[in-house]
Amino acid sequence: MTADTGAAPGGRAPLGALRRPLSRIRAALREGWQIARGITGERAYEIYLEHHRRTHPGVPAMGEREFWRWYVDRGDTHPGSRCC
């Protein structure tokens, strides 16, 4: 009498057992990518749009090109702490 371990024939793990770790890895990579985008400033426009919708309902937001011009100009005139 053998115990049923849930393994597929040939000793391989069932497909469902592989999906869980892969899904966690994908989620962690996605989260890491979003963190990296936040650190580099790539999410600045998305964050601006979220803030604008919350605090200025009914007022049109800047377009993306206009926003990036403002963002770069603001960084040049108010450098704060940065590496370069």
N, C-alpha and C. Protein backbone atom coordinates (compact mmCIF):
# COMPACT_ATOMS: atom_id res chain seq x y z
N MET A 1 0.85 -1.17 0.00
CA MET A 1 0.00 0.00 0.00
C MET A 1 0.90 1.24 0.00
N THR A 2 0.66 2.19 -0.91
CA THR A 2 1.48 3.39 -1.00
C THR A 2 0.66 4.60 -0.61
N ALA A 3 1.30 5.57 -0.02
CA ALA A 3 0.62 6.81 0.37
C ALA A 3 0.53 7.72 -0.84
N ASP A 4 -0.59 8.40 -0.98
CA ASP A 4 -0.77 9.35 -2.09
C ASP A 4 -0.16 10.69 -1.70
N THR A 5 0.93 11.04 -2.36
CA THR A 5 1.63 12.29 -2.03
C THR A 5 1.15 13.46 -2.87
N GLY A 6 0.32 13.19 -3.85
CA GLY A 6 -0.16 14.26 -4.70
C GLY A 6 0.78 14.58 -5.84
N ALA A 7 1.86 13.85 -5.94
CA ALA A 7 2.83 14.09 -7.01
C ALA A 7 2.30 13.51 -8.31
N ALA A 8 2.67 14.12 -9.39
CA ALA A 8 2.29 13.64 -10.71
C ALA A 8 3.10 12.40 -11.02
N PRO A 9 2.66 11.62 -12.02
CA PRO A 9 3.43 10.43 -12.39
C PRO A 9 4.87 10.80 -12.74
N GLY A 10 5.79 9.96 -12.38
CA GLY A 10 7.20 10.21 -12.65
C GLY A 10 7.87 11.02 -11.56
N GLY A 11 7.17 11.30 -10.45
CA GLY A 11 7.76 12.03 -9.34
C GLY A 11 7.77 13.55 -9.49
N ARG A 12 7.16 14.07 -10.54
CA ARG A 12 7.12 15.53 -10.72
C ARG A 12 6.01 16.15 -9.88
N ALA A 13 6.18 17.40 -9.52
CA ALA A 13 5.17 18.12 -8.75
C ALA A 13 3.99 18.45 -9.66
N PRO A 14 2.77 18.44 -9.13
CA PRO A 14 1.62 18.80 -9.95
C PRO A 14 1.71 20.27 -10.38
N LEU A 15 1.07 20.59 -11.49
CA LEU A 15 1.14 21.93 -12.06
C LEU A 15 0.65 22.99 -11.07
N GLY A 16 -0.37 22.69 -10.30
CA GLY A 16 -0.89 23.65 -9.32
C GLY A 16 0.13 24.03 -8.27
N ALA A 17 0.98 23.07 -7.91
CA ALA A 17 2.02 23.35 -6.90
C ALA A 17 3.08 24.30 -7.45
N LEU A 18 3.28 24.31 -8.75
CA LEU A 18 4.25 25.22 -9.36
C LEU A 18 3.68 26.62 -9.56
N ARG A 19 2.39 26.71 -9.76
CA ARG A 19 1.76 28.01 -10.03
C ARG A 19 1.83 28.94 -8.83
N ARG A 20 1.67 28.41 -7.64
CA ARG A 20 1.67 29.26 -6.44
C ARG A 20 3.00 29.99 -6.26
N PRO A 21 4.13 29.28 -6.28
CA PRO A 21 5.41 30.01 -6.12
C PRO A 21 5.67 30.97 -7.28
N LEU A 22 5.33 30.57 -8.51
CA LEU A 22 5.54 31.45 -9.65
C LEU A 22 4.69 32.71 -9.53
N SER A 23 3.49 32.56 -9.05
CA SER A 23 2.62 33.73 -8.88
C SER A 23 3.19 34.67 -7.82
N ARG A 24 3.75 34.11 -6.75
CA ARG A 24 4.37 34.95 -5.72
C ARG A 24 5.61 35.65 -6.26
N ILE A 25 6.38 34.96 -7.06
CA ILE A 25 7.58 35.56 -7.65
C ILE A 25 7.18 36.70 -8.58
N ARG A 26 6.16 36.47 -9.42
CA ARG A 26 5.69 37.54 -10.32
C ARG A 26 5.21 38.75 -9.54
N ALA A 27 4.46 38.51 -8.46
CA ALA A 27 3.95 39.62 -7.64
C ALA A 27 5.12 40.39 -7.02
N ALA A 28 6.12 39.68 -6.54
CA ALA A 28 7.28 40.35 -5.93
C ALA A 28 8.05 41.16 -6.98
N LEU A 29 8.21 40.61 -8.17
CA LEU A 29 8.89 41.35 -9.24
C LEU A 29 8.11 42.60 -9.64
N ARG A 30 6.78 42.45 -9.73
CA ARG A 30 5.93 43.61 -10.05
C ARG A 30 6.08 44.70 -9.00
N GLU A 31 6.06 44.30 -7.74
CA GLU A 31 6.20 45.25 -6.63
C GLU A 31 7.58 45.92 -6.68
N GLY A 32 8.61 45.13 -6.94
CA GLY A 32 9.96 45.69 -7.05
C GLY A 32 10.07 46.68 -8.20
N TRP A 33 9.42 46.37 -9.31
CA TRP A 33 9.43 47.27 -10.46
C TRP A 33 8.75 48.60 -10.11
N GLN A 34 7.62 48.53 -9.40
CA GLN A 34 6.93 49.76 -9.01
C GLN A 34 7.77 50.59 -8.05
N ILE A 35 8.48 49.94 -7.14
CA ILE A 35 9.37 50.65 -6.22
C ILE A 35 10.48 51.34 -7.00
N ALA A 36 11.07 50.62 -7.94
CA ALA A 36 12.14 51.21 -8.76
C ALA A 36 11.61 52.40 -9.55
N ARG A 37 10.41 52.29 -10.10
CA ARG A 37 9.81 53.40 -10.84
C ARG A 37 9.58 54.60 -9.93
N GLY A 38 9.20 54.35 -8.70
CA GLY A 38 9.00 55.44 -7.75
C GLY A 38 10.29 56.13 -7.38
N ILE A 39 11.35 55.36 -7.20
CA ILE A 39 12.65 55.92 -6.82
C ILE A 39 13.20 56.78 -7.94
N THR A 40 13.04 56.35 -9.17
CA THR A 40 13.59 57.10 -10.31
C THR A 40 12.71 58.27 -10.73
N GLY A 41 11.52 58.38 -10.16
CA GLY A 41 10.63 59.49 -10.51
C GLY A 41 9.71 59.19 -11.68
N GLU A 42 9.77 57.99 -12.19
CA GLU A 42 8.97 57.62 -13.34
C GLU A 42 7.47 57.66 -13.05
N ARG A 43 7.09 57.47 -11.80
CA ARG A 43 5.67 57.46 -11.42
C ARG A 43 5.14 58.85 -11.08
N ALA A 44 5.97 59.87 -11.22
CA ALA A 44 5.58 61.21 -10.79
C ALA A 44 4.27 61.68 -11.43
N TYR A 45 4.09 61.44 -12.71
CA TYR A 45 2.85 61.89 -13.37
C TYR A 45 1.64 61.13 -12.85
N GLU A 46 1.77 59.82 -12.65
CA GLU A 46 0.67 59.03 -12.10
C GLU A 46 0.29 59.54 -10.71
N ILE A 47 1.30 59.83 -9.89
CA ILE A 47 1.06 60.32 -8.53
C ILE A 47 0.39 61.69 -8.59
N TYR A 48 0.85 62.54 -9.51
CA TYR A 48 0.24 63.87 -9.70
C TYR A 48 -1.23 63.72 -10.07
N LEU A 49 -1.55 62.84 -11.00
CA LEU A 49 -2.95 62.66 -11.42
C LEU A 49 -3.83 62.19 -10.25
N GLU A 50 -3.32 61.25 -9.45
CA GLU A 50 -4.08 60.78 -8.29
C GLU A 50 -4.33 61.93 -7.32
N HIS A 51 -3.29 62.70 -7.03
CA HIS A 51 -3.42 63.84 -6.13
C HIS A 51 -4.40 64.87 -6.70
N HIS A 52 -4.28 65.17 -7.98
CA HIS A 52 -5.13 66.18 -8.61
C HIS A 52 -6.60 65.76 -8.57
N ARG A 53 -6.89 64.50 -8.84
CA ARG A 53 -8.28 64.02 -8.78
C ARG A 53 -8.86 64.17 -7.38
N ARG A 54 -8.04 63.89 -6.35
CA ARG A 54 -8.52 63.98 -4.97
C ARG A 54 -8.72 65.41 -4.52
N THR A 55 -7.79 66.29 -4.85
CA THR A 55 -7.80 67.63 -4.27
C THR A 55 -8.43 68.69 -5.16
N HIS A 56 -8.55 68.43 -6.46
CA HIS A 56 -9.11 69.43 -7.38
C HIS A 56 -10.14 68.79 -8.30
N PRO A 57 -11.22 68.24 -7.76
CA PRO A 57 -12.22 67.59 -8.62
C PRO A 57 -12.84 68.62 -9.57
N GLY A 58 -13.06 68.21 -10.79
CA GLY A 58 -13.69 69.07 -11.77
C GLY A 58 -12.75 70.02 -12.48
N VAL A 59 -11.51 70.12 -12.03
CA VAL A 59 -10.52 70.99 -12.68
C VAL A 59 -9.64 70.12 -13.57
N PRO A 60 -9.47 70.48 -14.84
CA PRO A 60 -8.64 69.64 -15.71
C PRO A 60 -7.18 69.60 -15.24
N ALA A 61 -6.60 68.44 -15.30
CA ALA A 61 -5.20 68.25 -14.91
C ALA A 61 -4.30 68.64 -16.08
N MET A 62 -3.03 68.92 -15.77
CA MET A 62 -2.06 69.20 -16.82
C MET A 62 -1.90 67.95 -17.69
N GLY A 63 -1.61 68.18 -18.95
CA GLY A 63 -1.28 67.06 -19.83
C GLY A 63 0.08 66.51 -19.43
N GLU A 64 0.41 65.33 -19.90
CA GLU A 64 1.66 64.70 -19.48
C GLU A 64 2.88 65.52 -19.91
N ARG A 65 2.87 66.02 -21.13
CA ARG A 65 4.02 66.81 -21.61
C ARG A 65 4.19 68.08 -20.77
N GLU A 66 3.08 68.77 -20.51
CA GLU A 66 3.13 69.99 -19.69
C GLU A 66 3.62 69.68 -18.28
N PHE A 67 3.13 68.55 -17.73
CA PHE A 67 3.56 68.16 -16.39
C PHE A 67 5.07 67.95 -16.33
N TRP A 68 5.64 67.21 -17.30
CA TRP A 68 7.07 66.91 -17.25
C TRP A 68 7.90 68.17 -17.41
N ARG A 69 7.42 69.13 -18.22
CA ARG A 69 8.14 70.41 -18.32
C ARG A 69 8.15 71.10 -16.96
N TRP A 70 7.00 71.15 -16.30
CA TRP A 70 6.88 71.78 -14.98
C TRP A 70 7.77 71.04 -13.98
N TYR A 71 7.74 69.72 -14.01
CA TYR A 71 8.48 68.88 -13.07
C TYR A 71 9.98 69.12 -13.18
N VAL A 72 10.49 69.14 -14.41
CA VAL A 72 11.93 69.36 -14.62
C VAL A 72 12.31 70.79 -14.23
N ASP A 73 11.50 71.78 -14.63
CA ASP A 73 11.78 73.17 -14.26
C ASP A 73 11.78 73.35 -12.75
N ARG A 74 10.82 72.73 -12.09
CA ARG A 74 10.74 72.81 -10.63
C ARG A 74 11.98 72.20 -9.99
N GLY A 75 12.45 71.07 -10.52
CA GLY A 75 13.65 70.43 -9.99
C GLY A 75 14.89 71.30 -10.18
N ASP A 76 14.91 72.06 -11.28
CA ASP A 76 16.06 72.94 -11.52
C ASP A 76 16.05 74.16 -10.62
N THR A 77 14.86 74.71 -10.35
CA THR A 77 14.79 75.94 -9.53
C THR A 77 14.73 75.64 -8.04
N HIS A 78 14.30 74.44 -7.65
CA HIS A 78 14.22 74.02 -6.24
C HIS A 78 14.91 72.67 -6.10
N PRO A 79 16.24 72.63 -6.18
CA PRO A 79 16.94 71.36 -6.23
C PRO A 79 16.79 70.47 -5.00
N GLY A 80 16.67 71.01 -3.81
CA GLY A 80 16.57 70.15 -2.62
C GLY A 80 17.79 69.26 -2.50
N SER A 81 17.59 68.08 -1.95
CA SER A 81 18.72 67.16 -1.83
C SER A 81 18.60 66.13 -2.94
N ARG A 82 19.62 66.04 -3.73
CA ARG A 82 19.68 65.05 -4.80
C ARG A 82 21.14 64.79 -5.14
N CYS A 83 21.37 63.78 -5.91
CA CYS A 83 22.75 63.40 -6.17
C CYS A 83 23.42 64.26 -7.23
N CYS A 84 22.67 64.82 -8.18
CA CYS A 84 23.31 65.55 -9.28
C CYS A 84 22.69 66.92 -9.48
